[in-house]
Amino acid sequence: MNNILFKFLKGMTFIFTVQILIACGAFIIQSCQRSELFDSKKEIVAKKKFLNSVPTGIENLSPIKITKLTDLSRTTNNQNTKTSQNEMAIISLYSLPNIPSSNNINLNTLSSFSQLMNIDGTEVSVTYSDGSTSDNISGTQELITSYEISVQDAQQSLQPTLIEAKNYLLSKGLTDSDIQGFLSADSDGPAMSESDLIPAVMMLIAEEERSNSLAHVDFTNFFITSAYASHIGECAGDALGTSAIAGAIAAGINTAAGKALLKLAIRKVATKALGWVGAAIFVYEFGDCMDWW
């Protein structure tokens, strides 16, 4: 009898232990799921804040004063004598091949950044006092005219957007050290400006939205998602790091490969959306092209 009772108690103890282990396992899984959900919510909130900050940045950029240049060489030389706190950049307006520009616009009376950006059939480049120039103009495009703009005004207008761009990257598990690493000099080129993070994050979000749509792709929406991918390329400009960003997402932003690809994308962005004024131009054009507002 005692032997039977002992075996019974032993069996009950074993069953109770198994139940405890199962309960602990379920608790751990639920905790992980809550953590993943929390992280997801953090990303969603950070993304929303970033996208909301961009129109605000555009509102801040719109009234920035521009001054038409009548003597480009003289003004360029004068820029070199100005302090860094009052640096002026040159925005040059170029014609687009086979695309008519806006009619009835007096280029001599343009006085704000938004007026310049709303001229159809044209493309703009930016040149700084150190001679650096955005690499987005082809040899077939003709220079129409040029204007001066304050670099400091562009930087101040986009500061809130820069903060939210960093917050979005942090919400994805990256660190401040990672972000600084993205901008540091390496064998591929010199250190980059914080302003380059803004266009890069805009493209990152656009590509993530495309990737999410592809995750649910079926025969009925395949051509829609393919067109969306093409649309990102058209809005960002040819070879502006879109493939590197797609690779970074596929590899995982937090992996060594993902970080290297994201830095490569930021470096490509830096050659075209150059500095604070270049970032301002990109923000103004890309979000509108993507129909984000």
C-alpha atoms as a PDB file:
ATOM      1  CA  MET A   1       0.000   0.000   0.000  1.00  0.00           C
ATOM      2  CA  ASN A   2       2.746   2.433   0.943  1.00  0.00           C
ATOM      3  CA  ASN A   3       4.523   1.663  -2.338  1.00  0.00           C
ATOM      4  CA  ILE A   4       1.383   2.396  -4.332  1.00  0.00           C
ATOM      5  CA  LEU A   5       0.838   5.677  -2.478  1.00  0.00           C
ATOM      6  CA  PHE A   6       4.441   6.674  -3.050  1.00  0.00           C
ATOM      7  CA  LYS A   7       4.133   6.015  -6.778  1.00  0.00           C
ATOM      8  CA  PHE A   8       0.892   8.000  -6.905  1.00  0.00           C
ATOM      9  CA  LEU A   9       2.448  11.009  -5.137  1.00  0.00           C
ATOM     10  CA  LYS A  10       5.504  10.783  -7.368  1.00  0.00           C
ATOM     11  CA  GLY A  11       3.304  10.800 -10.481  1.00  0.00           C
ATOM     12  CA  MET A  12       1.300  13.755  -9.216  1.00  0.00           C
ATOM     13  CA  THR A  13       4.512  15.647  -8.453  1.00  0.00           C
ATOM     14  CA  PHE A  14       5.776  14.953 -11.968  1.00  0.00           C
ATOM     15  CA  ILE A  15       2.523  16.175 -13.534  1.00  0.00           C
ATOM     16  CA  PHE A  16       2.537  19.297 -11.343  1.00  0.00           C
ATOM     17  CA  THR A  17       6.155  20.007 -12.324  1.00  0.00           C
ATOM     18  CA  VAL A  18       5.327  19.666 -16.022  1.00  0.00           C
ATOM     19  CA  GLN A  19       2.385  22.035 -15.613  1.00  0.00           C
ATOM     20  CA  ILE A  20       4.633  24.575 -13.890  1.00  0.00           C
ATOM     21  CA  LEU A  21       7.163  24.328 -16.714  1.00  0.00           C
ATOM     22  CA  ILE A  22       4.435  24.757 -19.333  1.00  0.00           C
ATOM     23  CA  ALA A  23       3.039  27.778 -17.488  1.00  0.00           C
ATOM     24  CA  CYS A  24       6.514  29.328 -17.239  1.00  0.00           C
ATOM     25  CA  GLY A  25       7.104  28.738 -20.933  1.00  0.00           C
ATOM     26  CA  ALA A  26       3.776  30.329 -21.812  1.00  0.00           C
ATOM     27  CA  PHE A  27       4.612  33.310 -19.602  1.00  0.00           C
ATOM     28  CA  ILE A  28       7.969  33.776 -21.314  1.00  0.00           C
ATOM     29  CA  ILE A  29       6.394  33.583 -24.775  1.00  0.00           C
ATOM     30  CA  GLN A  30       3.695  36.090 -23.819  1.00  0.00           C
ATOM     31  CA  SER A  31       6.347  38.404 -22.383  1.00  0.00           C
ATOM     32  CA  CYS A  32       8.305  38.240 -25.629  1.00  0.00           C
ATOM     33  CA  GLN A  33       5.148  38.889 -27.613  1.00  0.00           C
ATOM     34  CA  ARG A  34       4.342  41.901 -25.444  1.00  0.00           C
ATOM     35  CA  SER A  35       7.900  43.159 -25.925  1.00  0.00           C
ATOM     36  CA  GLU A  36       7.645  42.771 -29.698  1.00  0.00           C
ATOM     37  CA  LEU A  37       4.248  44.486 -29.656  1.00  0.00           C
ATOM     38  CA  PHE A  38       5.674  47.297 -27.540  1.00  0.00           C
ATOM     39  CA  ASP A  39       8.577  47.724 -29.953  1.00  0.00           C
ATOM     40  CA  SER A  40       6.149  47.720 -32.862  1.00  0.00           C
ATOM     41  CA  LYS A  41       4.077  50.428 -31.205  1.00  0.00           C
ATOM     42  CA  LYS A  42       7.239  52.436 -30.566  1.00  0.00           C
ATOM     43  CA  GLU A  43       8.111  52.267 -34.260  1.00  0.00           C
ATOM     44  CA  ILE A  44       4.582  53.214 -35.306  1.00  0.00           C
ATOM     45  CA  VAL A  45       4.557  56.233 -32.987  1.00  0.00           C
ATOM     46  CA  ALA A  46       8.058  57.292 -34.068  1.00  0.00           C
ATOM     47  CA  LYS A  47       7.129  56.932 -37.729  1.00  0.00           C
ATOM     48  CA  LYS A  48       3.979  59.010 -37.255  1.00  0.00           C
ATOM     49  CA  LYS A  49       5.898  61.730 -35.422  1.00  0.00           C
ATOM     50  CA  PHE A  50       8.536  61.846 -38.155  1.00  0.00           C
ATOM     51  CA  LEU A  51       5.995  62.058 -40.974  1.00  0.00           C
ATOM     52  CA  ASN A  52       4.088  64.755 -39.082  1.00  0.00           C
ATOM     53  CA  SER A  53       7.284  66.736 -38.599  1.00  0.00           C
ATOM     54  CA  VAL A  54       8.032  66.862 -42.331  1.00  0.00           C
ATOM     55  CA  PRO A  55       5.061  69.081 -43.336  1.00  0.00           C
ATOM     56  CA  THR A  56       5.953  71.323 -40.399  1.00  0.00           C
ATOM     57  CA  GLY A  57       9.484  71.544 -41.771  1.00  0.00           C
ATOM     58  CA  ILE A  58       8.082  72.450 -45.177  1.00  0.00           C
ATOM     59  CA  GLU A  59       5.972  75.185 -43.608  1.00  0.00           C
ATOM     60  CA  ASN A  60       9.119  76.521 -41.958  1.00  0.00           C
ATOM     61  CA  LEU A  61      11.072  76.289 -45.223  1.00  0.00           C
ATOM     62  CA  SER A  62       8.458  77.911 -47.449  1.00  0.00           C
ATOM     63  CA  PRO A  63       8.984  81.570 -46.458  1.00  0.00           C
ATOM     64  CA  ILE A  64      12.798  81.416 -46.419  1.00  0.00           C
ATOM     65  CA  LYS A  65      14.081  84.330 -48.449  1.00  0.00           C
ATOM     66  CA  ILE A  66      15.958  83.778 -51.697  1.00  0.00           C
ATOM     67  CA  THR A  67      17.829  86.471 -53.613  1.00  0.00           C
ATOM     68  CA  LYS A  68      18.407  86.310 -57.356  1.00  0.00           C
ATOM     69  CA  LEU A  69      22.037  86.483 -58.401  1.00  0.00           C
ATOM     70  CA  THR A  70      22.954  88.998 -61.068  1.00  0.00           C
ATOM     71  CA  ASP A  71      26.688  88.376 -60.906  1.00  0.00           C
ATOM     72  CA  LEU A  72      27.311  84.749 -59.954  1.00  0.00           C
ATOM     73  CA  SER A  73      31.115  84.933 -59.809  1.00  0.00           C
ATOM     74  CA  ARG A  74      31.155  88.057 -57.667  1.00  0.00           C
ATOM     75  CA  THR A  75      28.619  86.659 -55.228  1.00  0.00           C
ATOM     76  CA  THR A  76      30.396  83.310 -54.993  1.00  0.00           C
ATOM     77  CA  ASN A  77      33.608  85.079 -54.062  1.00  0.00           C
ATOM     78  CA  ASN A  78      31.768  87.136 -51.462  1.00  0.00           C
ATOM     79  CA  GLN A  79      30.418  83.974 -49.843  1.00  0.00           C
ATOM     80  CA  ASN A  80      33.914  82.940 -48.778  1.00  0.00           C
ATOM     81  CA  THR A  81      34.187  86.010 -46.522  1.00  0.00           C
ATOM     82  CA  LYS A  82      30.976  85.266 -44.631  1.00  0.00           C
ATOM     83  CA  THR A  83      30.951  83.542 -41.258  1.00  0.00           C
ATOM     84  CA  SER A  84      29.746  79.976 -40.921  1.00  0.00           C
ATOM     85  CA  GLN A  85      26.787  81.272 -38.889  1.00  0.00           C
ATOM     86  CA  ASN A  86      25.625  83.239 -41.931  1.00  0.00           C
ATOM     87  CA  GLU A  87      26.759  80.958 -44.751  1.00  0.00           C
ATOM     88  CA  MET A  88      24.880  81.405 -47.995  1.00  0.00           C
ATOM     89  CA  ALA A  89      24.370  78.641 -50.531  1.00  0.00           C
ATOM     90  CA  ILE A  90      23.476  78.976 -54.198  1.00  0.00           C
ATOM     91  CA  ILE A  91      20.387  77.264 -55.583  1.00  0.00           C
ATOM     92  CA  SER A  92      20.582  76.977 -59.367  1.00  0.00           C
ATOM     93  CA  LEU A  93      17.505  76.427 -61.495  1.00  0.00           C
ATOM     94  CA  TYR A  94      17.887  74.145 -64.539  1.00  0.00           C
ATOM     95  CA  SER A  95      15.518  73.208 -67.340  1.00  0.00           C
ATOM     96  CA  LEU A  96      14.383  69.599 -67.723  1.00  0.00           C
ATOM     97  CA  PRO A  97      14.753  68.081 -71.223  1.00  0.00           C
ATOM     98  CA  ASN A  98      11.498  67.923 -73.213  1.00  0.00           C
ATOM     99  CA  ILE A  99       9.427  69.254 -70.292  1.00  0.00           C
ATOM    100  CA  PRO A 100       7.952  72.752 -70.616  1.00  0.00           C
ATOM    101  CA  SER A 101       8.505  75.024 -67.629  1.00  0.00           C
ATOM    102  CA  SER A 102       5.767  77.047 -65.964  1.00  0.00           C
ATOM    103  CA  ASN A 103       4.532  79.959 -68.000  1.00  0.00           C
ATOM    104  CA  ASN A 104       3.930  83.512 -66.830  1.00  0.00           C
ATOM    105  CA  ILE A 105       6.498  83.347 -64.012  1.00  0.00           C
ATOM    106  CA  ASN A 106       8.789  86.318 -63.558  1.00  0.00           C
ATOM    107  CA  LEU A 107      12.010  84.783 -62.228  1.00  0.00           C
ATOM    108  CA  ASN A 108      13.212  88.239 -61.168  1.00  0.00           C
ATOM    109  CA  THR A 109      10.415  88.583 -58.626  1.00  0.00           C
ATOM    110  CA  LEU A 110      10.765  85.219 -56.886  1.00  0.00           C
ATOM    111  CA  SER A 111      11.509  85.872 -53.230  1.00  0.00           C
ATOM    112  CA  SER A 112      10.848  82.643 -51.276  1.00  0.00           C
ATOM    113  CA  PHE A 113      11.969  79.033 -51.257  1.00  0.00           C
ATOM    114  CA  SER A 114       8.446  77.713 -51.877  1.00  0.00           C
ATOM    115  CA  GLN A 115       8.000  79.884 -54.971  1.00  0.00           C
ATOM    116  CA  LEU A 116      11.187  78.478 -56.445  1.00  0.00           C
ATOM    117  CA  MET A 117      10.252  74.879 -55.660  1.00  0.00           C
ATOM    118  CA  ASN A 118       6.837  75.223 -57.294  1.00  0.00           C
ATOM    119  CA  ILE A 119       8.137  76.012 -60.791  1.00  0.00           C
ATOM    120  CA  ASP A 120       7.205  73.132 -63.084  1.00  0.00           C
ATOM    121  CA  GLY A 121       9.554  71.631 -65.652  1.00  0.00           C
ATOM    122  CA  THR A 122      12.723  72.520 -63.751  1.00  0.00           C
ATOM    123  CA  GLU A 123      15.262  70.941 -61.411  1.00  0.00           C
ATOM    124  CA  VAL A 124      17.431  72.611 -58.790  1.00  0.00           C
ATOM    125  CA  SER A 125      20.958  71.994 -57.563  1.00  0.00           C
ATOM    126  CA  VAL A 126      22.787  73.465 -54.584  1.00  0.00           C
ATOM    127  CA  THR A 127      26.345  74.783 -54.297  1.00  0.00           C
ATOM    128  CA  TYR A 128      28.070  75.780 -51.040  1.00  0.00           C
ATOM    129  CA  SER A 129      30.807  78.275 -50.295  1.00  0.00           C
ATOM    130  CA  ASP A 130      33.433  75.510 -50.163  1.00  0.00           C
ATOM    131  CA  GLY A 131      32.611  74.587 -53.770  1.00  0.00           C
ATOM    132  CA  SER A 132      30.722  71.366 -53.002  1.00  0.00           C
ATOM    133  CA  THR A 133      27.829  70.831 -55.411  1.00  0.00           C
ATOM    134  CA  SER A 134      24.952  68.338 -55.445  1.00  0.00           C
ATOM    135  CA  ASP A 135      25.383  65.684 -58.124  1.00  0.00           C
ATOM    136  CA  ASN A 136      21.934  65.716 -59.683  1.00  0.00           C
ATOM    137  CA  ILE A 137      22.256  67.746 -62.906  1.00  0.00           C
ATOM    138  CA  SER A 138      23.027  66.168 -66.280  1.00  0.00           C
ATOM    139  CA  GLY A 139      24.981  67.736 -69.103  1.00  0.00           C
ATOM    140  CA  THR A 140      21.816  68.131 -71.195  1.00  0.00           C
ATOM    141  CA  GLN A 141      20.151  70.497 -68.723  1.00  0.00           C
ATOM    142  CA  GLU A 142      20.528  74.238 -69.233  1.00  0.00           C
ATOM    143  CA  LEU A 143      21.052  76.714 -66.405  1.00  0.00           C
ATOM    144  CA  ILE A 144      18.174  79.184 -66.178  1.00  0.00           C
ATOM    145  CA  THR A 145      19.146  81.324 -63.189  1.00  0.00           C
ATOM    146  CA  SER A 146      20.510  81.131 -59.635  1.00  0.00           C
ATOM    147  CA  TYR A 147      19.537  82.378 -56.184  1.00  0.00           C
ATOM    148  CA  GLU A 148      21.154  82.733 -52.770  1.00  0.00           C
ATOM    149  CA  ILE A 149      19.662  81.123 -49.667  1.00  0.00           C
ATOM    150  CA  SER A 150      20.735  81.014 -46.020  1.00  0.00           C
ATOM    151  CA  VAL A 151      22.086  77.633 -44.910  1.00  0.00           C
ATOM    152  CA  GLN A 152      21.313  78.512 -41.311  1.00  0.00           C
ATOM    153  CA  ASP A 153      17.645  79.193 -42.117  1.00  0.00           C
ATOM    154  CA  ALA A 154      17.334  75.802 -43.814  1.00  0.00           C
ATOM    155  CA  GLN A 155      19.017  74.078 -40.855  1.00  0.00           C
ATOM    156  CA  GLN A 156      16.775  75.741 -38.278  1.00  0.00           C
ATOM    157  CA  SER A 157      13.657  74.878 -40.289  1.00  0.00           C
ATOM    158  CA  LEU A 158      14.562  71.177 -40.402  1.00  0.00           C
ATOM    159  CA  GLN A 159      15.830  70.717 -36.833  1.00  0.00           C
ATOM    160  CA  PRO A 160      12.525  69.249 -35.545  1.00  0.00           C
ATOM    161  CA  THR A 161      12.483  66.827 -38.495  1.00  0.00           C
ATOM    162  CA  LEU A 162      16.081  65.785 -37.782  1.00  0.00           C
ATOM    163  CA  ILE A 163      15.192  65.020 -34.164  1.00  0.00           C
ATOM    164  CA  GLU A 164      12.295  62.785 -35.257  1.00  0.00           C
ATOM    165  CA  ALA A 165      14.482  61.094 -37.895  1.00  0.00           C
ATOM    166  CA  LYS A 166      16.937  60.102 -35.156  1.00  0.00           C
ATOM    167  CA  ASN A 167      14.084  58.986 -32.899  1.00  0.00           C
ATOM    168  CA  TYR A 168      12.754  56.749 -35.666  1.00  0.00           C
ATOM    169  CA  LEU A 169      16.133  55.063 -36.083  1.00  0.00           C
ATOM    170  CA  LEU A 170      16.375  54.639 -32.300  1.00  0.00           C
ATOM    171  CA  SER A 171      12.888  53.095 -32.224  1.00  0.00           C
ATOM    172  CA  LYS A 172      14.181  50.379 -34.552  1.00  0.00           C
ATOM    173  CA  GLY A 173      16.807  49.340 -32.009  1.00  0.00           C
ATOM    174  CA  LEU A 174      19.726  51.367 -33.343  1.00  0.00           C
ATOM    175  CA  THR A 175      21.861  53.379 -30.911  1.00  0.00           C
ATOM    176  CA  ASP A 176      23.268  56.897 -30.895  1.00  0.00           C
ATOM    177  CA  SER A 177      26.638  55.292 -31.592  1.00  0.00           C
ATOM    178  CA  ASP A 178      25.191  53.558 -34.666  1.00  0.00           C
ATOM    179  CA  ILE A 179      23.808  56.865 -35.955  1.00  0.00           C
ATOM    180  CA  GLN A 180      27.146  58.606 -35.495  1.00  0.00           C
ATOM    181  CA  GLY A 181      28.794  55.686 -37.264  1.00  0.00           C
ATOM    182  CA  PHE A 182      26.515  56.165 -40.269  1.00  0.00           C
ATOM    183  CA  LEU A 183      27.845  59.722 -40.638  1.00  0.00           C
ATOM    184  CA  SER A 184      31.534  59.054 -39.951  1.00  0.00           C
ATOM    185  CA  ALA A 185      34.296  59.139 -42.543  1.00  0.00           C
ATOM    186  CA  ASP A 186      35.415  55.823 -44.005  1.00  0.00           C
ATOM    187  CA  SER A 187      37.244  54.416 -47.020  1.00  0.00           C
ATOM    188  CA  ASP A 188      34.291  55.373 -49.240  1.00  0.00           C
ATOM    189  CA  GLY A 189      34.325  59.055 -48.388  1.00  0.00           C
ATOM    190  CA  PRO A 190      34.443  61.877 -45.818  1.00  0.00           C
ATOM    191  CA  ALA A 191      32.156  62.438 -42.854  1.00  0.00           C
ATOM    192  CA  MET A 192      28.582  63.383 -43.721  1.00  0.00           C
ATOM    193  CA  SER A 193      26.130  65.950 -42.364  1.00  0.00           C
ATOM    194  CA  GLU A 194      23.319  65.101 -39.952  1.00  0.00           C
ATOM    195  CA  SER A 195      20.997  66.578 -42.568  1.00  0.00           C
ATOM    196  CA  ASP A 196      21.587  63.463 -44.699  1.00  0.00           C
ATOM    197  CA  LEU A 197      19.633  61.415 -42.145  1.00  0.00           C
ATOM    198  CA  ILE A 198      16.375  63.152 -43.081  1.00  0.00           C
ATOM    199  CA  PRO A 199      16.164  62.070 -46.745  1.00  0.00           C
ATOM    200  CA  ALA A 200      17.533  58.636 -45.807  1.00  0.00           C
ATOM    201  CA  VAL A 201      14.770  58.063 -43.234  1.00  0.00           C
ATOM    202  CA  MET A 202      12.120  59.255 -45.702  1.00  0.00           C
ATOM    203  CA  MET A 203      13.355  56.676 -48.206  1.00  0.00           C
ATOM    204  CA  LEU A 204      13.654  54.030 -45.484  1.00  0.00           C
ATOM    205  CA  ILE A 205      10.014  54.505 -44.475  1.00  0.00           C
ATOM    206  CA  ALA A 206       8.880  54.448 -48.114  1.00  0.00           C
ATOM    207  CA  GLU A 207      10.784  51.217 -48.741  1.00  0.00           C
ATOM    208  CA  GLU A 208       9.459  49.637 -45.540  1.00  0.00           C
ATOM    209  CA  GLU A 209       5.910  50.445 -46.614  1.00  0.00           C
ATOM    210  CA  ARG A 210       6.646  48.822 -49.959  1.00  0.00           C
ATOM    211  CA  SER A 211       8.146  45.760 -48.246  1.00  0.00           C
ATOM    212  CA  ASN A 212       5.099  45.447 -45.999  1.00  0.00           C
ATOM    213  CA  SER A 213       2.819  45.549 -49.019  1.00  0.00           C
ATOM    214  CA  LEU A 214       4.927  42.860 -50.725  1.00  0.00           C
ATOM    215  CA  ALA A 215       4.552  40.636 -47.668  1.00  0.00           C
ATOM    216  CA  HIS A 216       0.854  40.414 -48.509  1.00  0.00           C
ATOM    217  CA  VAL A 217       1.265  40.346 -52.273  1.00  0.00           C
ATOM    218  CA  ASP A 218      -1.045  38.248 -54.399  1.00  0.00           C
ATOM    219  CA  PHE A 219      -1.966  38.123 -58.066  1.00  0.00           C
ATOM    220  CA  THR A 220      -4.465  40.971 -57.806  1.00  0.00           C
ATOM    221  CA  ASN A 221      -2.079  43.535 -56.306  1.00  0.00           C
ATOM    222  CA  PHE A 222       1.270  42.392 -57.727  1.00  0.00           C
ATOM    223  CA  PHE A 223       1.316  45.093 -60.379  1.00  0.00           C
ATOM    224  CA  ILE A 224       0.307  47.724 -57.829  1.00  0.00           C
ATOM    225  CA  THR A 225       3.248  46.902 -55.541  1.00  0.00           C
ATOM    226  CA  SER A 226       5.620  46.777 -58.525  1.00  0.00           C
ATOM    227  CA  ALA A 227       4.397  50.194 -59.620  1.00  0.00           C
ATOM    228  CA  TYR A 228       4.909  51.481 -56.065  1.00  0.00           C
ATOM    229  CA  ALA A 229       8.507  50.270 -56.135  1.00  0.00           C
ATOM    230  CA  SER A 230       9.031  52.112 -59.412  1.00  0.00           C
ATOM    231  CA  HIS A 231       7.358  55.187 -57.919  1.00  0.00           C
ATOM    232  CA  ILE A 232       9.860  55.284 -55.040  1.00  0.00           C
ATOM    233  CA  GLY A 233      12.723  55.237 -57.541  1.00  0.00           C
ATOM    234  CA  GLU A 234      11.149  57.998 -59.599  1.00  0.00           C
ATOM    235  CA  CYS A 235      10.548  60.195 -56.554  1.00  0.00           C
ATOM    236  CA  ALA A 236      13.975  59.604 -55.013  1.00  0.00           C
ATOM    237  CA  GLY A 237      15.885  59.963 -58.256  1.00  0.00           C
ATOM    238  CA  ASP A 238      17.898  57.349 -60.100  1.00  0.00           C
ATOM    239  CA  ALA A 239      20.527  55.452 -58.073  1.00  0.00           C
ATOM    240  CA  LEU A 240      19.852  57.428 -54.890  1.00  0.00           C
ATOM    241  CA  GLY A 241      20.431  54.505 -52.572  1.00  0.00           C
ATOM    242  CA  THR A 242      17.028  52.842 -52.896  1.00  0.00           C
ATOM    243  CA  SER A 243      18.540  49.418 -53.623  1.00  0.00           C
ATOM    244  CA  ALA A 244      20.923  49.740 -50.666  1.00  0.00           C
ATOM    245  CA  ILE A 245      18.027  50.658 -48.364  1.00  0.00           C
ATOM    246  CA  ALA A 246      16.020  47.688 -49.643  1.00  0.00           C
ATOM    247  CA  GLY A 247      19.041  45.483 -48.943  1.00  0.00           C
ATOM    248  CA  ALA A 248      19.412  46.918 -45.442  1.00  0.00           C
ATOM    249  CA  ILE A 249      15.783  46.104 -44.661  1.00  0.00           C
ATOM    250  CA  ALA A 250      16.131  42.587 -46.055  1.00  0.00           C
ATOM    251  CA  ALA A 251      19.327  41.969 -44.058  1.00  0.00           C
ATOM    252  CA  GLY A 252      17.910  43.541 -40.903  1.00  0.00           C
ATOM    253  CA  ILE A 253      18.694  47.105 -39.866  1.00  0.00           C
ATOM    254  CA  ASN A 254      20.370  45.913 -36.667  1.00  0.00           C
ATOM    255  CA  THR A 255      22.751  43.473 -38.363  1.00  0.00           C
ATOM    256  CA  ALA A 256      26.281  44.375 -39.410  1.00  0.00           C
ATOM    257  CA  ALA A 257      25.309  43.899 -43.061  1.00  0.00           C
ATOM    258  CA  GLY A 258      22.169  46.011 -42.647  1.00  0.00           C
ATOM    259  CA  LYS A 259      24.073  48.860 -41.002  1.00  0.00           C
ATOM    260  CA  ALA A 260      26.730  48.808 -43.733  1.00  0.00           C
ATOM    261  CA  LEU A 261      24.072  48.972 -46.454  1.00  0.00           C
ATOM    262  CA  LEU A 262      22.208  51.773 -44.690  1.00  0.00           C
ATOM    263  CA  LYS A 263      25.423  53.777 -44.439  1.00  0.00           C
ATOM    264  CA  LEU A 264      26.026  53.190 -48.150  1.00  0.00           C
ATOM    265  CA  ALA A 265      22.523  54.518 -48.865  1.00  0.00           C
ATOM    266  CA  ILE A 266      23.123  57.612 -46.725  1.00  0.00           C
ATOM    267  CA  ARG A 267      26.394  58.268 -48.575  1.00  0.00           C
ATOM    268  CA  LYS A 268      24.560  58.069 -51.910  1.00  0.00           C
ATOM    269  CA  VAL A 269      21.914  60.445 -50.573  1.00  0.00           C
ATOM    270  CA  ALA A 270      24.646  62.867 -49.515  1.00  0.00           C
ATOM    271  CA  THR A 271      25.933  63.250 -53.081  1.00  0.00           C
ATOM    272  CA  LYS A 272      22.593  64.520 -54.377  1.00  0.00           C
ATOM    273  CA  ALA A 273      20.596  65.821 -51.408  1.00  0.00           C
ATOM    274  CA  LEU A 274      23.682  67.721 -50.285  1.00  0.00           C
ATOM    275  CA  GLY A 275      23.766  69.475 -46.906  1.00  0.00           C
ATOM    276  CA  TRP A 276      20.908  71.345 -45.240  1.00  0.00           C
ATOM    277  CA  VAL A 277      19.697  73.126 -48.355  1.00  0.00           C
ATOM    278  CA  GLY A 278      19.859  69.907 -50.373  1.00  0.00           C
ATOM    279  CA  ALA A 279      17.892  68.123 -47.638  1.00  0.00           C
ATOM    280  CA  ALA A 280      15.315  70.919 -47.768  1.00  0.00           C
ATOM    281  CA  ILE A 281      14.936  70.443 -51.519  1.00  0.00           C
ATOM    282  CA  PHE A 282      14.599  66.662 -51.134  1.00  0.00           C
ATOM    283  CA  VAL A 283      12.016  66.952 -48.336  1.00  0.00           C
ATOM    284  CA  TYR A 284       9.975  69.398 -50.379  1.00  0.00           C
ATOM    285  CA  GLU A 285       9.950  67.198 -53.487  1.00  0.00           C
ATOM    286  CA  PHE A 286       9.962  63.595 -52.229  1.00  0.00           C
ATOM    287  CA  GLY A 287       7.048  63.718 -49.808  1.00  0.00           C
ATOM    288  CA  ASP A 288       4.876  65.512 -52.329  1.00  0.00           C
ATOM    289  CA  CYS A 289       5.840  63.033 -55.057  1.00  0.00           C
ATOM    290  CA  MET A 290       4.976  60.102 -52.756  1.00  0.00           C
ATOM    291  CA  ASP A 291       1.580  61.722 -51.952  1.00  0.00           C
ATOM    292  CA  TRP A 292       2.283  61.689 -48.233  1.00  0.00           C
ATOM    293  CA  TRP A 293       0.359  64.939 -47.771  1.00  0.00           C
END
